[in-house]
């Protein structure tokens, strides 16, 4: 028999705030289409600073598209039409005056599957700082060590930094990609199903890492795994057919949802 998630899953989130903290992102009247395909409909959402926000919903509901609006990665898709506002620290990121390269430095992305470049671990992690003009080798070495430590990978790879990143395991590759994102000192980390290609042990390490990183970064994660959303996030937003159905504290949304569609999804009646 289908049931809601139990309150015991949320004991580690007892310190979660009652409401969204100071908003990092404010999404207002957001509509997005790919040509005639209307994907997002009038999204209104706030994402709190130094909190983990989860986006859940069935495949094709628009959650990854919504995630990509936060650093304008949808701009790369031909025919995209975006209306509404996405404010980062009160600034409209879709304003013509916004430097998109700098925006993507501030708002880093970790993808569903690890995507190491075919180069050494060292060169992978410092790729961003080098692209932004940093050439000082001592400073690059400092950034490398700091980023790998934040990604909980330094102890595992510090003695083989000049080996190919492709020699790492899948879980190590994903943590290295997180380190690469951290190396450019972002404010926000976007994670698009970062554990979907990983085994349970690697998934646990990534979840522990998210719990550590939230102290310094705002994190937005797309996940199909509702238990994962329950474990790592403060707030959860449920999307269906491109519409935001319900959002709120993760423990409340999973144990006492307000909308029938949310309850049906959480209990496995569809999706």
C-alpha atoms as a PDB file:
ATOM      1  CA  UNK A   1       0.000   0.000   0.000  1.00  0.00           C
ATOM      2  CA  UNK A   2       1.364   3.435  -0.961  1.00  0.00           C
ATOM      3  CA  UNK A   3       2.261   5.694   1.956  1.00  0.00           C
ATOM      4  CA  UNK A   4       3.820   9.067   2.579  1.00  0.00           C
ATOM      5  CA  UNK A   5       7.406   9.186   3.775  1.00  0.00           C
ATOM      6  CA  UNK A   6       7.748   8.794   7.532  1.00  0.00           C
ATOM      7  CA  UNK A   7       8.810  11.591   9.851  1.00  0.00           C
ATOM      8  CA  UNK A   8      11.824   9.547  10.975  1.00  0.00           C
ATOM      9  CA  UNK A   9      13.495  10.344   7.643  1.00  0.00           C
ATOM     10  CA  UNK A  10      13.615  14.001   8.630  1.00  0.00           C
ATOM     11  CA  UNK A  11      15.195  13.806  12.074  1.00  0.00           C
ATOM     12  CA  UNK A  12      18.476  15.148  10.699  1.00  0.00           C
ATOM     13  CA  UNK A  13      16.599  18.163   9.366  1.00  0.00           C
ATOM     14  CA  UNK A  14      15.171  19.194  12.749  1.00  0.00           C
ATOM     15  CA  UNK A  15      17.166  22.424  12.455  1.00  0.00           C
ATOM     16  CA  UNK A  16      15.563  23.311   9.117  1.00  0.00           C
ATOM     17  CA  UNK A  17      14.078  26.829   9.118  1.00  0.00           C
ATOM     18  CA  UNK A  18      10.332  27.389   9.100  1.00  0.00           C
ATOM     19  CA  UNK A  19      10.544  29.554   5.983  1.00  0.00           C
ATOM     20  CA  UNK A  20      12.899  30.389   3.165  1.00  0.00           C
ATOM     21  CA  UNK A  21      15.861  32.426   4.382  1.00  0.00           C
ATOM     22  CA  UNK A  22      16.939  35.573   2.585  1.00  0.00           C
ATOM     23  CA  UNK A  23      16.163  34.684  -1.046  1.00  0.00           C
ATOM     24  CA  UNK A  24      19.155  33.958  -3.245  1.00  0.00           C
ATOM     25  CA  UNK A  25      16.917  33.531  -6.280  1.00  0.00           C
ATOM     26  CA  UNK A  26      13.486  35.052  -6.870  1.00  0.00           C
ATOM     27  CA  UNK A  27      11.680  33.575  -9.875  1.00  0.00           C
ATOM     28  CA  UNK A  28       8.740  35.663 -11.059  1.00  0.00           C
ATOM     29  CA  UNK A  29       6.151  34.809 -13.733  1.00  0.00           C
ATOM     30  CA  UNK A  30       8.641  32.586 -15.551  1.00  0.00           C
ATOM     31  CA  UNK A  31       7.492  31.065 -18.834  1.00  0.00           C
ATOM     32  CA  UNK A  32       9.774  29.101 -21.140  1.00  0.00           C
ATOM     33  CA  UNK A  33       9.137  27.585 -24.556  1.00  0.00           C
ATOM     34  CA  UNK A  34      11.220  25.724 -27.079  1.00  0.00           C
ATOM     35  CA  UNK A  35       9.570  27.025 -30.229  1.00  0.00           C
ATOM     36  CA  UNK A  36       5.919  25.956 -29.910  1.00  0.00           C
ATOM     37  CA  UNK A  37       6.649  23.564 -27.025  1.00  0.00           C
ATOM     38  CA  UNK A  38       5.596  25.398 -23.836  1.00  0.00           C
ATOM     39  CA  UNK A  39       7.734  23.825 -21.086  1.00  0.00           C
ATOM     40  CA  UNK A  40       7.405  26.101 -18.020  1.00  0.00           C
ATOM     41  CA  UNK A  41       4.221  27.931 -17.073  1.00  0.00           C
ATOM     42  CA  UNK A  42       4.161  31.008 -14.814  1.00  0.00           C
ATOM     43  CA  UNK A  43       6.679  29.737 -12.246  1.00  0.00           C
ATOM     44  CA  UNK A  44       6.772  31.744  -8.990  1.00  0.00           C
ATOM     45  CA  UNK A  45       9.442  30.548  -6.571  1.00  0.00           C
ATOM     46  CA  UNK A  46      12.017  31.725  -4.050  1.00  0.00           C
ATOM     47  CA  UNK A  47      15.195  29.771  -3.294  1.00  0.00           C
ATOM     48  CA  UNK A  48      16.867  30.591   0.012  1.00  0.00           C
ATOM     49  CA  UNK A  49      20.487  31.536   0.554  1.00  0.00           C
ATOM     50  CA  UNK A  50      22.702  28.841   2.153  1.00  0.00           C
ATOM     51  CA  UNK A  51      19.890  26.313   1.906  1.00  0.00           C
ATOM     52  CA  UNK A  52      19.469  23.161  -0.145  1.00  0.00           C
ATOM     53  CA  UNK A  53      16.418  23.354  -2.386  1.00  0.00           C
ATOM     54  CA  UNK A  54      15.216  20.219  -4.191  1.00  0.00           C
ATOM     55  CA  UNK A  55      13.189  20.128  -7.419  1.00  0.00           C
ATOM     56  CA  UNK A  56      11.167  16.938  -7.840  1.00  0.00           C
ATOM     57  CA  UNK A  57       8.613  15.637 -10.306  1.00  0.00           C
ATOM     58  CA  UNK A  58       8.161  12.999 -13.017  1.00  0.00           C
ATOM     59  CA  UNK A  59      10.335  12.858 -16.127  1.00  0.00           C
ATOM     60  CA  UNK A  60       9.554  15.652 -18.561  1.00  0.00           C
ATOM     61  CA  UNK A  61       7.930  17.915 -15.956  1.00  0.00           C
ATOM     62  CA  UNK A  62      10.413  20.751 -16.545  1.00  0.00           C
ATOM     63  CA  UNK A  63      12.585  20.522 -13.434  1.00  0.00           C
ATOM     64  CA  UNK A  64      15.928  20.329 -15.284  1.00  0.00           C
ATOM     65  CA  UNK A  65      14.802  23.127 -17.592  1.00  0.00           C
ATOM     66  CA  UNK A  66      13.953  25.235 -14.541  1.00  0.00           C
ATOM     67  CA  UNK A  67      17.360  24.474 -13.044  1.00  0.00           C
ATOM     68  CA  UNK A  68      19.098  25.606 -16.238  1.00  0.00           C
ATOM     69  CA  UNK A  69      17.259  28.935 -16.208  1.00  0.00           C
ATOM     70  CA  UNK A  70      19.255  29.814 -13.074  1.00  0.00           C
ATOM     71  CA  UNK A  71      22.516  30.179 -15.014  1.00  0.00           C
ATOM     72  CA  UNK A  72      21.074  30.747 -18.487  1.00  0.00           C
ATOM     73  CA  UNK A  73      22.182  27.440 -19.921  1.00  0.00           C
ATOM     74  CA  UNK A  74      18.919  27.297 -21.870  1.00  0.00           C
ATOM     75  CA  UNK A  75      20.283  30.219 -23.913  1.00  0.00           C
ATOM     76  CA  UNK A  76      22.391  27.632 -25.734  1.00  0.00           C
ATOM     77  CA  UNK A  77      19.287  25.875 -27.132  1.00  0.00           C
ATOM     78  CA  UNK A  78      18.035  27.230 -30.487  1.00  0.00           C
ATOM     79  CA  UNK A  79      14.497  28.616 -30.463  1.00  0.00           C
ATOM     80  CA  UNK A  80      14.194  29.092 -26.701  1.00  0.00           C
ATOM     81  CA  UNK A  81      11.793  31.840 -25.604  1.00  0.00           C
ATOM     82  CA  UNK A  82      11.933  33.030 -21.990  1.00  0.00           C
ATOM     83  CA  UNK A  83       9.549  35.470 -20.335  1.00  0.00           C
ATOM     84  CA  UNK A  84       9.454  36.706 -16.748  1.00  0.00           C
ATOM     85  CA  UNK A  85      12.267  37.446 -14.328  1.00  0.00           C
ATOM     86  CA  UNK A  86      14.942  35.455 -12.529  1.00  0.00           C
ATOM     87  CA  UNK A  87      16.576  37.590  -9.844  1.00  0.00           C
ATOM     88  CA  UNK A  88      19.917  36.644  -8.277  1.00  0.00           C
ATOM     89  CA  UNK A  89      20.577  38.782  -5.201  1.00  0.00           C
ATOM     90  CA  UNK A  90      17.918  41.130  -6.579  1.00  0.00           C
ATOM     91  CA  UNK A  91      19.519  41.443 -10.036  1.00  0.00           C
ATOM     92  CA  UNK A  92      17.659  40.217 -13.129  1.00  0.00           C
ATOM     93  CA  UNK A  93      20.034  37.704 -14.706  1.00  0.00           C
ATOM     94  CA  UNK A  94      18.194  38.041 -18.049  1.00  0.00           C
ATOM     95  CA  UNK A  95      18.936  41.742 -18.300  1.00  0.00           C
ATOM     96  CA  UNK A  96      20.905  42.626 -21.477  1.00  0.00           C
ATOM     97  CA  UNK A  97      23.612  44.139 -19.272  1.00  0.00           C
ATOM     98  CA  UNK A  98      24.422  40.835 -17.533  1.00  0.00           C
ATOM     99  CA  UNK A  99      27.761  39.207 -18.363  1.00  0.00           C
ATOM    100  CA  UNK A 100      26.705  35.583 -18.945  1.00  0.00           C
ATOM    101  CA  UNK A 101      30.267  34.242 -18.548  1.00  0.00           C
ATOM    102  CA  UNK A 102      30.522  35.873 -15.131  1.00  0.00           C
ATOM    103  CA  UNK A 103      27.035  34.630 -14.235  1.00  0.00           C
ATOM    104  CA  UNK A 104      28.068  31.037 -14.916  1.00  0.00           C
ATOM    105  CA  UNK A 105      31.148  31.601 -12.775  1.00  0.00           C
ATOM    106  CA  UNK A 106      28.889  32.662  -9.890  1.00  0.00           C
ATOM    107  CA  UNK A 107      26.354  29.888 -10.519  1.00  0.00           C
ATOM    108  CA  UNK A 108      28.154  26.602 -11.141  1.00  0.00           C
ATOM    109  CA  UNK A 109      26.605  23.449 -12.602  1.00  0.00           C
ATOM    110  CA  UNK A 110      27.182  19.771 -11.821  1.00  0.00           C
ATOM    111  CA  UNK A 111      25.630  17.479 -14.404  1.00  0.00           C
ATOM    112  CA  UNK A 112      23.840  14.142 -14.206  1.00  0.00           C
ATOM    113  CA  UNK A 113      26.816  12.139 -15.392  1.00  0.00           C
ATOM    114  CA  UNK A 114      30.420  12.953 -14.477  1.00  0.00           C
ATOM    115  CA  UNK A 115      32.050  14.828 -17.349  1.00  0.00           C
ATOM    116  CA  UNK A 116      35.811  14.932 -16.711  1.00  0.00           C
ATOM    117  CA  UNK A 117      37.897  16.465 -19.455  1.00  0.00           C
ATOM    118  CA  UNK A 118      40.506  14.145 -21.063  1.00  0.00           C
ATOM    119  CA  UNK A 119      43.358  15.666 -19.087  1.00  0.00           C
ATOM    120  CA  UNK A 120      44.955  15.339 -15.659  1.00  0.00           C
ATOM    121  CA  UNK A 121      43.102  15.760 -12.362  1.00  0.00           C
ATOM    122  CA  UNK A 122      45.137  18.923 -11.767  1.00  0.00           C
ATOM    123  CA  UNK A 123      44.265  20.429 -15.145  1.00  0.00           C
ATOM    124  CA  UNK A 124      40.588  19.521 -14.755  1.00  0.00           C
ATOM    125  CA  UNK A 125      40.175  21.240 -11.408  1.00  0.00           C
ATOM    126  CA  UNK A 126      42.037  24.450 -12.322  1.00  0.00           C
ATOM    127  CA  UNK A 127      40.509  24.659 -15.802  1.00  0.00           C
ATOM    128  CA  UNK A 128      38.112  27.448 -14.812  1.00  0.00           C
ATOM    129  CA  UNK A 129      40.619  29.713 -13.046  1.00  0.00           C
ATOM    130  CA  UNK A 130      42.981  29.346 -16.000  1.00  0.00           C
ATOM    131  CA  UNK A 131      40.202  30.261 -18.449  1.00  0.00           C
ATOM    132  CA  UNK A 132      39.585  33.362 -16.366  1.00  0.00           C
ATOM    133  CA  UNK A 133      43.222  34.380 -16.756  1.00  0.00           C
ATOM    134  CA  UNK A 134      44.966  33.044 -13.647  1.00  0.00           C
ATOM    135  CA  UNK A 135      48.495  31.859 -14.480  1.00  0.00           C
ATOM    136  CA  UNK A 136      50.307  31.870 -11.129  1.00  0.00           C
ATOM    137  CA  UNK A 137      51.193  28.218 -10.486  1.00  0.00           C
ATOM    138  CA  UNK A 138      51.384  28.586  -6.710  1.00  0.00           C
ATOM    139  CA  UNK A 139      47.926  30.146  -6.594  1.00  0.00           C
ATOM    140  CA  UNK A 140      46.559  27.454  -8.910  1.00  0.00           C
ATOM    141  CA  UNK A 141      48.015  24.797  -6.595  1.00  0.00           C
ATOM    142  CA  UNK A 142      46.301  26.465  -3.619  1.00  0.00           C
ATOM    143  CA  UNK A 143      42.966  26.524  -5.443  1.00  0.00           C
ATOM    144  CA  UNK A 144      43.403  22.886  -6.455  1.00  0.00           C
ATOM    145  CA  UNK A 145      44.010  21.716  -2.888  1.00  0.00           C
ATOM    146  CA  UNK A 146      41.218  23.855  -1.419  1.00  0.00           C
ATOM    147  CA  UNK A 147      38.697  22.679  -4.019  1.00  0.00           C
ATOM    148  CA  UNK A 148      39.587  18.990  -3.706  1.00  0.00           C
ATOM    149  CA  UNK A 149      39.375  19.214   0.088  1.00  0.00           C
ATOM    150  CA  UNK A 150      35.950  20.861  -0.110  1.00  0.00           C
ATOM    151  CA  UNK A 151      34.879  18.064  -2.454  1.00  0.00           C
ATOM    152  CA  UNK A 152      36.190  15.446   0.013  1.00  0.00           C
ATOM    153  CA  UNK A 153      38.585  14.078  -2.606  1.00  0.00           C
ATOM    154  CA  UNK A 154      42.020  15.420  -1.654  1.00  0.00           C
ATOM    155  CA  UNK A 155      43.005  12.504   0.561  1.00  0.00           C
ATOM    156  CA  UNK A 156      42.177  10.038  -2.219  1.00  0.00           C
ATOM    157  CA  UNK A 157      44.013  11.719  -5.096  1.00  0.00           C
ATOM    158  CA  UNK A 158      46.683  14.068  -3.701  1.00  0.00           C
ATOM    159  CA  UNK A 159      49.476  11.690  -4.733  1.00  0.00           C
ATOM    160  CA  UNK A 160      48.282  11.267  -8.358  1.00  0.00           C
ATOM    161  CA  UNK A 161      47.212  14.740  -9.422  1.00  0.00           C
ATOM    162  CA  UNK A 162      48.949  14.454 -12.803  1.00  0.00           C
ATOM    163  CA  UNK A 163      47.234  11.223 -13.788  1.00  0.00           C
ATOM    164  CA  UNK A 164      44.283  11.282 -16.148  1.00  0.00           C
ATOM    165  CA  UNK A 165      40.970  12.180 -14.518  1.00  0.00           C
ATOM    166  CA  UNK A 166      39.484   9.365 -16.595  1.00  0.00           C
ATOM    167  CA  UNK A 167      41.321   6.884 -14.341  1.00  0.00           C
ATOM    168  CA  UNK A 168      39.082   7.834 -11.380  1.00  0.00           C
ATOM    169  CA  UNK A 169      36.017   5.837 -10.401  1.00  0.00           C
ATOM    170  CA  UNK A 170      32.589   7.214 -11.287  1.00  0.00           C
ATOM    171  CA  UNK A 171      31.988   8.589  -7.804  1.00  0.00           C
ATOM    172  CA  UNK A 172      35.454  10.148  -7.689  1.00  0.00           C
ATOM    173  CA  UNK A 173      34.900  11.702 -11.115  1.00  0.00           C
ATOM    174  CA  UNK A 174      31.685  13.317  -9.910  1.00  0.00           C
ATOM    175  CA  UNK A 175      33.389  14.739  -6.814  1.00  0.00           C
ATOM    176  CA  UNK A 176      36.197  16.008  -9.031  1.00  0.00           C
ATOM    177  CA  UNK A 177      33.594  17.749 -11.200  1.00  0.00           C
ATOM    178  CA  UNK A 178      32.213  19.341  -8.032  1.00  0.00           C
ATOM    179  CA  UNK A 179      35.753  20.460  -7.154  1.00  0.00           C
ATOM    180  CA  UNK A 180      36.092  21.923 -10.657  1.00  0.00           C
ATOM    181  CA  UNK A 181      32.896  23.909 -10.115  1.00  0.00           C
ATOM    182  CA  UNK A 182      34.116  25.120  -6.700  1.00  0.00           C
ATOM    183  CA  UNK A 183      37.491  26.230  -8.088  1.00  0.00           C
ATOM    184  CA  UNK A 184      35.994  29.395  -9.621  1.00  0.00           C
ATOM    185  CA  UNK A 185      34.495  30.369  -6.240  1.00  0.00           C
ATOM    186  CA  UNK A 186      30.772  30.344  -7.083  1.00  0.00           C
ATOM    187  CA  UNK A 187      27.931  31.519  -4.852  1.00  0.00           C
ATOM    188  CA  UNK A 188      25.560  28.800  -6.029  1.00  0.00           C
ATOM    189  CA  UNK A 189      25.841  25.139  -7.040  1.00  0.00           C
ATOM    190  CA  UNK A 190      23.232  23.669  -9.358  1.00  0.00           C
ATOM    191  CA  UNK A 191      23.117  19.863  -9.339  1.00  0.00           C
ATOM    192  CA  UNK A 192      21.148  18.013 -12.006  1.00  0.00           C
ATOM    193  CA  UNK A 193      20.588  14.489 -10.616  1.00  0.00           C
ATOM    194  CA  UNK A 194      24.249  14.268  -9.535  1.00  0.00           C
ATOM    195  CA  UNK A 195      23.900  10.744  -8.123  1.00  0.00           C
ATOM    196  CA  UNK A 196      21.770   9.048 -10.780  1.00  0.00           C
ATOM    197  CA  UNK A 197      24.762   7.295 -12.368  1.00  0.00           C
ATOM    198  CA  UNK A 198      26.442   6.348  -9.077  1.00  0.00           C
ATOM    199  CA  UNK A 199      26.409   3.322  -6.771  1.00  0.00           C
ATOM    200  CA  UNK A 200      24.959   3.615  -3.238  1.00  0.00           C
ATOM    201  CA  UNK A 201      28.339   4.189  -1.539  1.00  0.00           C
ATOM    202  CA  UNK A 202      29.268   6.992  -3.946  1.00  0.00           C
ATOM    203  CA  UNK A 203      25.775   8.434  -3.597  1.00  0.00           C
ATOM    204  CA  UNK A 204      26.178   8.553   0.179  1.00  0.00           C
ATOM    205  CA  UNK A 205      29.480  10.423  -0.189  1.00  0.00           C
ATOM    206  CA  UNK A 206      27.883  13.009  -2.479  1.00  0.00           C
ATOM    207  CA  UNK A 207      24.993  13.485  -0.050  1.00  0.00           C
ATOM    208  CA  UNK A 208      27.410  13.977   2.856  1.00  0.00           C
ATOM    209  CA  UNK A 209      29.291  16.475   0.702  1.00  0.00           C
ATOM    210  CA  UNK A 210      26.097  18.436  -0.028  1.00  0.00           C
ATOM    211  CA  UNK A 211      25.439  18.604   3.716  1.00  0.00           C
ATOM    212  CA  UNK A 212      28.909  20.099   4.248  1.00  0.00           C
ATOM    213  CA  UNK A 213      28.792  22.509   1.292  1.00  0.00           C
ATOM    214  CA  UNK A 214      25.470  24.108   2.263  1.00  0.00           C
ATOM    215  CA  UNK A 215      27.317  26.070   4.945  1.00  0.00           C
ATOM    216  CA  UNK A 216      29.123  28.054   2.243  1.00  0.00           C
ATOM    217  CA  UNK A 217      26.940  27.750  -0.844  1.00  0.00           C
ATOM    218  CA  UNK A 218      23.349  27.907  -1.964  1.00  0.00           C
ATOM    219  CA  UNK A 219      22.519  24.533  -3.524  1.00  0.00           C
ATOM    220  CA  UNK A 220      19.674  23.635  -5.874  1.00  0.00           C
ATOM    221  CA  UNK A 221      19.339  19.943  -6.728  1.00  0.00           C
ATOM    222  CA  UNK A 222      17.135  18.103  -9.192  1.00  0.00           C
ATOM    223  CA  UNK A 223      16.452  14.538  -8.096  1.00  0.00           C
ATOM    224  CA  UNK A 224      14.129  11.665  -8.971  1.00  0.00           C
ATOM    225  CA  UNK A 225      14.945  10.055  -5.621  1.00  0.00           C
ATOM    226  CA  UNK A 226      12.469  11.311  -3.038  1.00  0.00           C
ATOM    227  CA  UNK A 227      14.380   9.722  -0.164  1.00  0.00           C
ATOM    228  CA  UNK A 228      17.413  11.690  -1.334  1.00  0.00           C
ATOM    229  CA  UNK A 229      15.423  14.929  -1.383  1.00  0.00           C
ATOM    230  CA  UNK A 230      14.277  14.098   2.146  1.00  0.00           C
ATOM    231  CA  UNK A 231      17.832  13.493   3.322  1.00  0.00           C
ATOM    232  CA  UNK A 232      19.603  16.507   1.831  1.00  0.00           C
ATOM    233  CA  UNK A 233      17.155  19.378   1.295  1.00  0.00           C
ATOM    234  CA  UNK A 234      15.546  22.048   3.456  1.00  0.00           C
ATOM    235  CA  UNK A 235      12.842  22.943   0.929  1.00  0.00           C
ATOM    236  CA  UNK A 236      11.272  20.979  -1.916  1.00  0.00           C
ATOM    237  CA  UNK A 237       9.330  22.129  -4.970  1.00  0.00           C
ATOM    238  CA  UNK A 238       7.098  19.698  -6.877  1.00  0.00           C
ATOM    239  CA  UNK A 239       6.589  20.292 -10.597  1.00  0.00           C
ATOM    240  CA  UNK A 240       4.066  18.633 -12.871  1.00  0.00           C
ATOM    241  CA  UNK A 241       3.571  19.328 -16.577  1.00  0.00           C
ATOM    242  CA  UNK A 242       5.702  22.441 -16.358  1.00  0.00           C
ATOM    243  CA  UNK A 243       3.757  23.968 -13.482  1.00  0.00           C
ATOM    244  CA  UNK A 244       4.813  24.463  -9.881  1.00  0.00           C
ATOM    245  CA  UNK A 245       2.213  22.487  -7.917  1.00  0.00           C
ATOM    246  CA  UNK A 246       3.523  22.881  -4.389  1.00  0.00           C
ATOM    247  CA  UNK A 247       6.604  24.032  -2.512  1.00  0.00           C
ATOM    248  CA  UNK A 248       7.503  24.141   1.147  1.00  0.00           C
ATOM    249  CA  UNK A 249       9.633  22.681   3.895  1.00  0.00           C
ATOM    250  CA  UNK A 250      10.760  19.247   2.824  1.00  0.00           C
ATOM    251  CA  UNK A 251       9.512  17.460   5.948  1.00  0.00           C
ATOM    252  CA  UNK A 252       6.055  19.035   5.677  1.00  0.00           C
ATOM    253  CA  UNK A 253       5.715  18.493   1.934  1.00  0.00           C
ATOM    254  CA  UNK A 254       6.605  14.807   2.179  1.00  0.00           C
ATOM    255  CA  UNK A 255       4.566  13.989   5.290  1.00  0.00           C
ATOM    256  CA  UNK A 256       1.593  16.316   4.923  1.00  0.00           C
ATOM    257  CA  UNK A 257       1.296  17.708   1.380  1.00  0.00           C
ATOM    258  CA  UNK A 258      -1.420  20.251   0.655  1.00  0.00           C
ATOM    259  CA  UNK A 259      -2.127  19.212  -2.938  1.00  0.00           C
ATOM    260  CA  UNK A 260      -3.567  15.882  -4.036  1.00  0.00           C
ATOM    261  CA  UNK A 261      -1.187  15.800  -7.039  1.00  0.00           C
ATOM    262  CA  UNK A 262       1.762  16.017  -4.657  1.00  0.00           C
ATOM    263  CA  UNK A 263       0.455  13.199  -2.491  1.00  0.00           C
ATOM    264  CA  UNK A 264      -0.226  11.032  -5.537  1.00  0.00           C
ATOM    265  CA  UNK A 265       3.325  11.514  -6.790  1.00  0.00           C
ATOM    266  CA  UNK A 266       4.989  10.948  -3.425  1.00  0.00           C
ATOM    267  CA  UNK A 267       2.993   7.773  -2.816  1.00  0.00           C
ATOM    268  CA  UNK A 268       3.855   6.396  -6.246  1.00  0.00           C
ATOM    269  CA  UNK A 269       0.407   6.577  -7.834  1.00  0.00           C
ATOM    270  CA  UNK A 270       2.075   8.086 -10.919  1.00  0.00           C
ATOM    271  CA  UNK A 271       5.493   9.202 -12.130  1.00  0.00           C
END
